[in-house]
Amino acid sequence: KYISASFTSSFTVPFSLMNIHFLYRPTKITLFSDIRVIALLVAYPTVQVMIWMILSIEFTAVDDFEALEIVRNGMKEQYNLTK
């Protein structure tokens, strides 16, 4: 459960960084040198990951072992694996 949650939550980081990159403009360079803005820019992706991690853990119906067994059985049936 936790492995899947960390995997899915890691996909939010590029989107968060893209939002920050969109906000950055050379005319606003003084704004980005303020320590409070820097702290906010560090906190934004961190909070995004934490939110998605919590949502993934709480609303995932199966554990990683159960999901792995489902995938194994599907692979055995589809590809006729005996291993």
PDB file of N, CA and C in Angstrom:
ATOM      1  N   LYS A   1       0.826  -1.187   0.000  1.00  0.00           N
ATOM      2  CA  LYS A   1       0.000   0.000   0.000  1.00  0.00           C
ATOM      3  C   LYS A   1       0.874   1.256   0.000  1.00  0.00           C
ATOM      4  N   TYR A   2       1.919   1.254   0.822  1.00  0.00           N
ATOM      5  CA  TYR A   2       2.753   2.446   0.931  1.00  0.00           C
ATOM      6  C   TYR A   2       3.656   2.625  -0.284  1.00  0.00           C
ATOM      7  N   ILE A   3       4.058   1.522  -0.901  1.00  0.00           N
ATOM      8  CA  ILE A   3       4.890   1.620  -2.092  1.00  0.00           C
ATOM      9  C   ILE A   3       4.082   2.236  -3.226  1.00  0.00           C
ATOM     10  N   SER A   4       2.872   1.777  -3.409  1.00  0.00           N
ATOM     11  CA  SER A   4       2.012   2.339  -4.456  1.00  0.00           C
ATOM     12  C   SER A   4       1.695   3.803  -4.186  1.00  0.00           C
ATOM     13  N   ALA A   5       1.467   4.134  -2.931  1.00  0.00           N
ATOM     14  CA  ALA A   5       1.153   5.517  -2.571  1.00  0.00           C
ATOM     15  C   ALA A   5       2.335   6.438  -2.838  1.00  0.00           C
ATOM     16  N   SER A   6       3.533   6.010  -2.504  1.00  0.00           N
ATOM     17  CA  SER A   6       4.697   6.863  -2.760  1.00  0.00           C
ATOM     18  C   SER A   6       4.965   6.978  -4.254  1.00  0.00           C
ATOM     19  N   PHE A   7       4.698   5.913  -4.999  1.00  0.00           N
ATOM     20  CA  PHE A   7       4.875   5.950  -6.447  1.00  0.00           C
ATOM     21  C   PHE A   7       3.903   6.939  -7.096  1.00  0.00           C
ATOM     22  N   THR A   8       2.639   6.862  -6.710  1.00  0.00           N
ATOM     23  CA  THR A   8       1.652   7.761  -7.306  1.00  0.00           C
ATOM     24  C   THR A   8       1.842   9.201  -6.855  1.00  0.00           C
ATOM     25  N   SER A   9       2.248   9.409  -5.619  1.00  0.00           N
ATOM     26  CA  SER A   9       2.436  10.781  -5.147  1.00  0.00           C
ATOM     27  C   SER A   9       3.664  11.432  -5.766  1.00  0.00           C
ATOM     28  N   SER A  10       4.628  10.635  -6.213  1.00  0.00           N
ATOM     29  CA  SER A  10       5.817  11.224  -6.823  1.00  0.00           C
ATOM     30  C   SER A  10       5.506  11.868  -8.170  1.00  0.00           C
ATOM     31  N   PHE A  11       4.379  11.519  -8.779  1.00  0.00           N
ATOM     32  CA  PHE A  11       4.009  12.114 -10.059  1.00  0.00           C
ATOM     33  C   PHE A  11       3.516  13.552  -9.918  1.00  0.00           C
ATOM     34  N   THR A  12       3.254  14.017  -8.698  1.00  0.00           N
ATOM     35  CA  THR A  12       2.802  15.394  -8.514  1.00  0.00           C
ATOM     36  C   THR A  12       3.960  16.383  -8.538  1.00  0.00           C
ATOM     37  N   VAL A  13       5.171  15.928  -8.299  1.00  0.00           N
ATOM     38  CA  VAL A  13       6.322  16.833  -8.216  1.00  0.00           C
ATOM     39  C   VAL A  13       6.552  17.591  -9.527  1.00  0.00           C
ATOM     40  N   PRO A  14       6.589  16.939 -10.691  1.00  0.00           N
ATOM     41  CA  PRO A  14       6.809  17.722 -11.914  1.00  0.00           C
ATOM     42  C   PRO A  14       5.738  18.782 -12.164  1.00  0.00           C
ATOM     43  N   PHE A  15       4.501  18.483 -11.813  1.00  0.00           N
ATOM     44  CA  PHE A  15       3.437  19.461 -12.010  1.00  0.00           C
ATOM     45  C   PHE A  15       3.603  20.642 -11.059  1.00  0.00           C
ATOM     46  N   SER A  16       4.006  20.376  -9.835  1.00  0.00           N
ATOM     47  CA  SER A  16       4.259  21.456  -8.888  1.00  0.00           C
ATOM     48  C   SER A  16       5.415  22.325  -9.360  1.00  0.00           C
ATOM     49  N   LEU A  17       6.486  21.698  -9.814  1.00  0.00           N
ATOM     50  CA  LEU A  17       7.630  22.467 -10.298  1.00  0.00           C
ATOM     51  C   LEU A  17       7.285  23.254 -11.557  1.00  0.00           C
ATOM     52  N   MET A  18       6.406  22.713 -12.374  1.00  0.00           N
ATOM     53  CA  MET A  18       5.974  23.425 -13.568  1.00  0.00           C
ATOM     54  C   MET A  18       5.165  24.670 -13.192  1.00  0.00           C
ATOM     55  N   ASN A  19       4.332  24.554 -12.168  1.00  0.00           N
ATOM     56  CA  ASN A  19       3.580  25.716 -11.695  1.00  0.00           C
ATOM     57  C   ASN A  19       4.522  26.796 -11.176  1.00  0.00           C
ATOM     58  N   ILE A  20       5.540  26.401 -10.434  1.00  0.00           N
ATOM     59  CA  ILE A  20       6.514  27.358  -9.921  1.00  0.00           C
ATOM     60  C   ILE A  20       7.273  28.000 -11.082  1.00  0.00           C
ATOM     61  N   HIS A  21       7.660  27.194 -12.045  1.00  0.00           N
ATOM     62  CA  HIS A  21       8.383  27.718 -13.198  1.00  0.00           C
ATOM     63  C   HIS A  21       7.516  28.698 -13.988  1.00  0.00           C
ATOM     64  N   PHE A  22       6.236  28.455 -14.062  1.00  0.00           N
ATOM     65  CA  PHE A  22       5.329  29.360 -14.758  1.00  0.00           C
ATOM     66  C   PHE A  22       5.238  30.713 -14.060  1.00  0.00           C
ATOM     67  N   LEU A  23       5.321  30.705 -12.730  1.00  0.00           N
ATOM     68  CA  LEU A  23       5.233  31.955 -11.965  1.00  0.00           C
ATOM     69  C   LEU A  23       6.503  32.792 -12.060  1.00  0.00           C
ATOM     70  N   TYR A  24       7.638  32.146 -12.282  1.00  0.00           N
ATOM     71  CA  TYR A  24       8.914  32.855 -12.293  1.00  0.00           C
ATOM     72  C   TYR A  24       9.052  33.685 -13.558  1.00  0.00           C
ATOM     73  N   ARG A  25       9.275  34.963 -13.367  1.00  0.00           N
ATOM     74  CA  ARG A  25       9.519  35.884 -14.470  1.00  0.00           C
ATOM     75  C   ARG A  25      10.696  36.777 -14.082  1.00  0.00           C
ATOM     76  N   PRO A  26      11.523  37.152 -15.048  1.00  0.00           N
ATOM     77  CA  PRO A  26      12.671  38.026 -14.718  1.00  0.00           C
ATOM     78  C   PRO A  26      12.261  39.349 -14.074  1.00  0.00           C
ATOM     79  N   THR A  27      11.067  39.834 -14.386  1.00  0.00           N
ATOM     80  CA  THR A  27      10.633  41.100 -13.779  1.00  0.00           C
ATOM     81  C   THR A  27      10.290  40.940 -12.303  1.00  0.00           C
ATOM     82  N   LYS A  28      10.053  39.705 -11.852  1.00  0.00           N
ATOM     83  CA  LYS A  28       9.690  39.462 -10.455  1.00  0.00           C
ATOM     84  C   LYS A  28      10.835  38.821  -9.674  1.00  0.00           C
ATOM     85  N   ILE A  29      12.067  39.082 -10.076  1.00  0.00           N
ATOM     86  CA  ILE A  29      13.209  38.451  -9.437  1.00  0.00           C
ATOM     87  C   ILE A  29      13.333  38.854  -7.964  1.00  0.00           C
ATOM     88  N   THR A  30      12.946  40.075  -7.628  1.00  0.00           N
ATOM     89  CA  THR A  30      13.028  40.497  -6.226  1.00  0.00           C
ATOM     90  C   THR A  30      12.038  39.721  -5.366  1.00  0.00           C
ATOM     91  N   LEU A  31      10.905  39.395  -5.932  1.00  0.00           N
ATOM     92  CA  LEU A  31       9.922  38.605  -5.181  1.00  0.00           C
ATOM     93  C   LEU A  31      10.474  37.218  -4.859  1.00  0.00           C
ATOM     94  N   PHE A  32      11.199  36.635  -5.791  1.00  0.00           N
ATOM     95  CA  PHE A  32      11.733  35.287  -5.600  1.00  0.00           C
ATOM     96  C   PHE A  32      12.983  35.270  -4.736  1.00  0.00           C
ATOM     97  N   SER A  33      13.513  36.438  -4.352  1.00  0.00           N
ATOM     98  CA  SER A  33      14.639  36.444  -3.422  1.00  0.00           C
ATOM     99  C   SER A  33      14.201  36.613  -1.968  1.00  0.00           C
ATOM    100  N   ASP A  34      12.923  36.796  -1.744  1.00  0.00           N
ATOM    101  CA  ASP A  34      12.404  36.903  -0.381  1.00  0.00           C
ATOM    102  C   ASP A  34      12.381  35.520   0.268  1.00  0.00           C
ATOM    103  N   ILE A  35      12.823  35.443   1.517  1.00  0.00           N
ATOM    104  CA  ILE A  35      12.928  34.153   2.223  1.00  0.00           C
ATOM    105  C   ILE A  35      11.561  33.513   2.424  1.00  0.00           C
ATOM    106  N   ARG A  36      10.517  34.322   2.590  1.00  0.00           N
ATOM    107  CA  ARG A  36       9.167  33.752   2.769  1.00  0.00           C
ATOM    108  C   ARG A  36       8.666  33.098   1.480  1.00  0.00           C
ATOM    109  N   VAL A  37       8.983  33.710   0.362  1.00  0.00           N
ATOM    110  CA  VAL A  37       8.577  33.135  -0.928  1.00  0.00           C
ATOM    111  C   VAL A  37       9.362  31.858  -1.197  1.00  0.00           C
ATOM    112  N   ILE A  38      10.638  31.856  -0.851  1.00  0.00           N
ATOM    113  CA  ILE A  38      11.450  30.650  -1.025  1.00  0.00           C
ATOM    114  C   ILE A  38      10.889  29.519  -0.170  1.00  0.00           C
ATOM    115  N   ALA A  39      10.515  29.828   1.079  1.00  0.00           N
ATOM    116  CA  ALA A  39       9.924  28.814   1.956  1.00  0.00           C
ATOM    117  C   ALA A  39       8.606  28.306   1.371  1.00  0.00           C
ATOM    118  N   LEU A  40       7.823  29.193   0.803  1.00  0.00           N
ATOM    119  CA  LEU A  40       6.561  28.791   0.173  1.00  0.00           C
ATOM    120  C   LEU A  40       6.810  27.908  -1.040  1.00  0.00           C
ATOM    121  N   LEU A  41       7.834  28.233  -1.821  1.00  0.00           N
ATOM    122  CA  LEU A  41       8.156  27.439  -3.004  1.00  0.00           C
ATOM    123  C   LEU A  41       8.671  26.057  -2.638  1.00  0.00           C
ATOM    124  N   VAL A  42       9.331  25.934  -1.512  1.00  0.00           N
ATOM    125  CA  VAL A  42       9.785  24.623  -1.044  1.00  0.00           C
ATOM    126  C   VAL A  42       8.613  23.842  -0.458  1.00  0.00           C
ATOM    127  N   ALA A  43       7.733  24.549   0.239  1.00  0.00           N
ATOM    128  CA  ALA A  43       6.605  23.884   0.896  1.00  0.00           C
ATOM    129  C   ALA A  43       5.554  23.401  -0.108  1.00  0.00           C
ATOM    130  N   TYR A  44       5.401  24.102  -1.217  1.00  0.00           N
ATOM    131  CA  TYR A  44       4.344  23.762  -2.180  1.00  0.00           C
ATOM    132  C   TYR A  44       4.461  22.335  -2.720  1.00  0.00           C
ATOM    133  N   PRO A  45       5.602  21.910  -3.294  1.00  0.00           N
ATOM    134  CA  PRO A  45       5.677  20.529  -3.762  1.00  0.00           C
ATOM    135  C   PRO A  45       5.639  19.517  -2.622  1.00  0.00           C
ATOM    136  N   THR A  46       6.205  19.901  -1.479  1.00  0.00           N
ATOM    137  CA  THR A  46       6.213  18.997  -0.334  1.00  0.00           C
ATOM    138  C   THR A  46       4.794  18.715   0.144  1.00  0.00           C
ATOM    139  N   VAL A  47       3.989  19.747   0.245  1.00  0.00           N
ATOM    140  CA  VAL A  47       2.596  19.585   0.680  1.00  0.00           C
ATOM    141  C   VAL A  47       1.804  18.798  -0.360  1.00  0.00           C
ATOM    142  N   GLN A  48       2.071  19.056  -1.648  1.00  0.00           N
ATOM    143  CA  GLN A  48       1.395  18.307  -2.703  1.00  0.00           C
ATOM    144  C   GLN A  48       1.664  16.809  -2.580  1.00  0.00           C
ATOM    145  N   VAL A  49       2.919  16.451  -2.354  1.00  0.00           N
ATOM    146  CA  VAL A  49       3.275  15.034  -2.211  1.00  0.00           C
ATOM    147  C   VAL A  49       2.607  14.442  -0.983  1.00  0.00           C
ATOM    148  N   MET A  50       2.615  15.174   0.117  1.00  0.00           N
ATOM    149  CA  MET A  50       1.997  14.657   1.343  1.00  0.00           C
ATOM    150  C   MET A  50       0.501  14.461   1.168  1.00  0.00           C
ATOM    151  N   ILE A  51      -0.166  15.399   0.512  1.00  0.00           N
ATOM    152  CA  ILE A  51      -1.609  15.271   0.292  1.00  0.00           C
ATOM    153  C   ILE A  51      -1.914  14.040  -0.560  1.00  0.00           C
ATOM    154  N   TRP A  52      -1.187  13.869  -1.656  1.00  0.00           N
ATOM    155  CA  TRP A  52      -1.440  12.723  -2.527  1.00  0.00           C
ATOM    156  C   TRP A  52      -1.070  11.411  -1.862  1.00  0.00           C
ATOM    157  N   MET A  53      -0.045  11.438  -1.024  1.00  0.00           N
ATOM    158  CA  MET A  53       0.345  10.229  -0.300  1.00  0.00           C
ATOM    159  C   MET A  53      -0.778   9.816   0.659  1.00  0.00           C
ATOM    160  N   ILE A  54      -1.302  10.780   1.398  1.00  0.00           N
ATOM    161  CA  ILE A  54      -2.394  10.487   2.338  1.00  0.00           C
ATOM    162  C   ILE A  54      -3.629  10.002   1.593  1.00  0.00           C
ATOM    163  N   LEU A  55      -3.974  10.672   0.488  1.00  0.00           N
ATOM    164  CA  LEU A  55      -5.141  10.245  -0.290  1.00  0.00           C
ATOM    165  C   LEU A  55      -4.948   8.849  -0.865  1.00  0.00           C
ATOM    166  N   SER A  56      -3.749   8.564  -1.327  1.00  0.00           N
ATOM    167  CA  SER A  56      -3.480   7.239  -1.896  1.00  0.00           C
ATOM    168  C   SER A  56      -3.554   6.154  -0.836  1.00  0.00           C
ATOM    169  N   ILE A  57      -3.051   6.438   0.344  1.00  0.00           N
ATOM    170  CA  ILE A  57      -3.085   5.439   1.417  1.00  0.00           C
ATOM    171  C   ILE A  57      -4.515   5.210   1.900  1.00  0.00           C
ATOM    172  N   GLU A  58      -5.266   6.299   2.061  1.00  0.00           N
ATOM    173  CA  GLU A  58      -6.610   6.176   2.616  1.00  0.00           C
ATOM    174  C   GLU A  58      -7.614   5.555   1.645  1.00  0.00           C
ATOM    175  N   PHE A  59      -7.480   5.845   0.378  1.00  0.00           N
ATOM    176  CA  PHE A  59      -8.505   5.422  -0.572  1.00  0.00           C
ATOM    177  C   PHE A  59      -8.078   4.279  -1.482  1.00  0.00           C
ATOM    178  N   THR A  60      -6.943   3.679  -1.205  1.00  0.00           N
ATOM    179  CA  THR A  60      -6.541   2.496  -1.954  1.00  0.00           C
ATOM    180  C   THR A  60      -7.220   1.284  -1.329  1.00  0.00           C
ATOM    181  N   ALA A  61      -7.868   0.513  -2.157  1.00  0.00           N
ATOM    182  CA  ALA A  61      -8.682  -0.581  -1.630  1.00  0.00           C
ATOM    183  C   ALA A  61      -7.867  -1.819  -1.274  1.00  0.00           C
ATOM    184  N   VAL A  62      -6.755  -2.047  -1.950  1.00  0.00           N
ATOM    185  CA  VAL A  62      -6.012  -3.282  -1.733  1.00  0.00           C
ATOM    186  C   VAL A  62      -4.576  -2.981  -1.315  1.00  0.00           C
ATOM    187  N   ASP A  63      -3.976  -3.944  -0.637  1.00  0.00           N
ATOM    188  CA  ASP A  63      -2.568  -3.838  -0.291  1.00  0.00           C
ATOM    189  C   ASP A  63      -1.714  -4.151  -1.512  1.00  0.00           C
ATOM    190  N   ASP A  64      -0.430  -3.846  -1.420  1.00  0.00           N
ATOM    191  CA  ASP A  64       0.484  -4.127  -2.529  1.00  0.00           C
ATOM    192  C   ASP A  64       0.555  -5.618  -2.822  1.00  0.00           C
ATOM    193  N   PHE A  65       0.520  -6.447  -1.784  1.00  0.00           N
ATOM    194  CA  PHE A  65       0.615  -7.891  -1.991  1.00  0.00           C
ATOM    195  C   PHE A  65      -0.610  -8.433  -2.711  1.00  0.00           C
ATOM    196  N   GLU A  66      -1.780  -7.902  -2.358  1.00  0.00           N
ATOM    197  CA  GLU A  66      -2.999  -8.329  -3.034  1.00  0.00           C
ATOM    198  C   GLU A  66      -2.990  -7.873  -4.488  1.00  0.00           C
ATOM    199  N   ALA A  67      -2.551  -6.652  -4.735  1.00  0.00           N
ATOM    200  CA  ALA A  67      -2.482  -6.145  -6.103  1.00  0.00           C
ATOM    201  C   ALA A  67      -1.468  -6.938  -6.918  1.00  0.00           C
ATOM    202  N   LEU A  68      -0.352  -7.283  -6.302  1.00  0.00           N
ATOM    203  CA  LEU A  68       0.660  -8.073  -6.987  1.00  0.00           C
ATOM    204  C   LEU A  68       0.114  -9.448  -7.362  1.00  0.00           C
ATOM    205  N   GLU A  69      -0.664 -10.041  -6.482  1.00  0.00           N
ATOM    206  CA  GLU A  69      -1.266 -11.345  -6.766  1.00  0.00           C
ATOM    207  C   GLU A  69      -2.274 -11.248  -7.907  1.00  0.00           C
ATOM    208  N   ILE A  70      -3.029 -10.159  -7.950  1.00  0.00           N
ATOM    209  CA  ILE A  70      -3.984  -9.951  -9.043  1.00  0.00           C
ATOM    210  C   ILE A  70      -3.247  -9.835 -10.371  1.00  0.00           C
ATOM    211  N   VAL A  71      -2.153  -9.093 -10.380  1.00  0.00           N
ATOM    212  CA  VAL A  71      -1.364  -8.938 -11.611  1.00  0.00           C
ATOM    213  C   VAL A  71      -0.744 -10.267 -12.018  1.00  0.00           C
ATOM    214  N   ARG A  72      -0.225 -11.012 -11.055  1.00  0.00           N
ATOM    215  CA  ARG A  72       0.370 -12.324 -11.360  1.00  0.00           C
ATOM    216  C   ARG A  72      -0.655 -13.258 -11.990  1.00  0.00           C
ATOM    217  N   ASN A  73      -1.830 -13.336 -11.388  1.00  0.00           N
ATOM    218  CA  ASN A  73      -2.867 -14.216 -11.926  1.00  0.00           C
ATOM    219  C   ASN A  73      -3.291 -13.792 -13.326  1.00  0.00           C
ATOM    220  N   GLY A  74      -3.388 -12.500 -13.553  1.00  0.00           N
ATOM    221  CA  GLY A  74      -3.739 -12.016 -14.882  1.00  0.00           C
ATOM    222  C   GLY A  74      -2.672 -12.350 -15.906  1.00  0.00           C
ATOM    223  N   MET A  75      -1.410 -12.228 -15.518  1.00  0.00           N
ATOM    224  CA  MET A  75      -0.313 -12.561 -16.428  1.00  0.00           C
ATOM    225  C   MET A  75      -0.295 -14.057 -16.727  1.00  0.00           C
ATOM    226  N   LYS A  76      -0.560 -14.873 -15.699  1.00  0.00           N
ATOM    227  CA  LYS A  76      -0.585 -16.325 -15.906  1.00  0.00           C
ATOM    228  C   LYS A  76      -1.689 -16.695 -16.883  1.00  0.00           C
ATOM    229  N   GLU A  77      -2.854 -16.093 -16.741  1.00  0.00           N
ATOM    230  CA  GLU A  77      -3.965 -16.422 -17.619  1.00  0.00           C
ATOM    231  C   GLU A  77      -3.732 -15.909 -19.037  1.00  0.00           C
ATOM    232  N   GLN A  78      -3.251 -14.685 -19.157  1.00  0.00           N
ATOM    233  CA  GLN A  78      -3.114 -14.088 -20.472  1.00  0.00           C
ATOM    234  C   GLN A  78      -1.961 -14.680 -21.271  1.00  0.00           C
ATOM    235  N   TYR A  79      -0.843 -14.940 -20.603  1.00  0.00           N
ATOM    236  CA  TYR A  79       0.348 -15.407 -21.323  1.00  0.00           C
ATOM    237  C   TYR A  79       0.648 -16.892 -21.096  1.00  0.00           C
ATOM    238  N   ASN A  80      -0.263 -17.574 -20.405  1.00  0.00           N
ATOM    239  CA  ASN A  80      -0.134 -19.012 -20.167  1.00  0.00           C
ATOM    240  C   ASN A  80       1.197 -19.351 -19.502  1.00  0.00           C
ATOM    241  N   LEU A  81       1.509 -18.625 -18.444  1.00  0.00           N
ATOM    242  CA  LEU A  81       2.770 -18.838 -17.739  1.00  0.00           C
ATOM    243  C   LEU A  81       2.605 -19.943 -16.700  1.00  0.00           C
ATOM    244  N   THR A  82       3.589 -20.793 -16.573  1.00  0.00           N
ATOM    245  CA  THR A  82       3.527 -21.865 -15.587  1.00  0.00           C
ATOM    246  C   THR A  82       4.429 -21.589 -14.394  1.00  0.00           C
ATOM    247  N   LYS A  83       5.274 -20.606 -14.487  1.00  0.00           N
ATOM    248  CA  LYS A  83       6.222 -20.286 -13.422  1.00  0.00           C
ATOM    249  C   LYS A  83       5.544 -19.650 -12.246  1.00  0.00           C
TER     250      LYS A  83
END
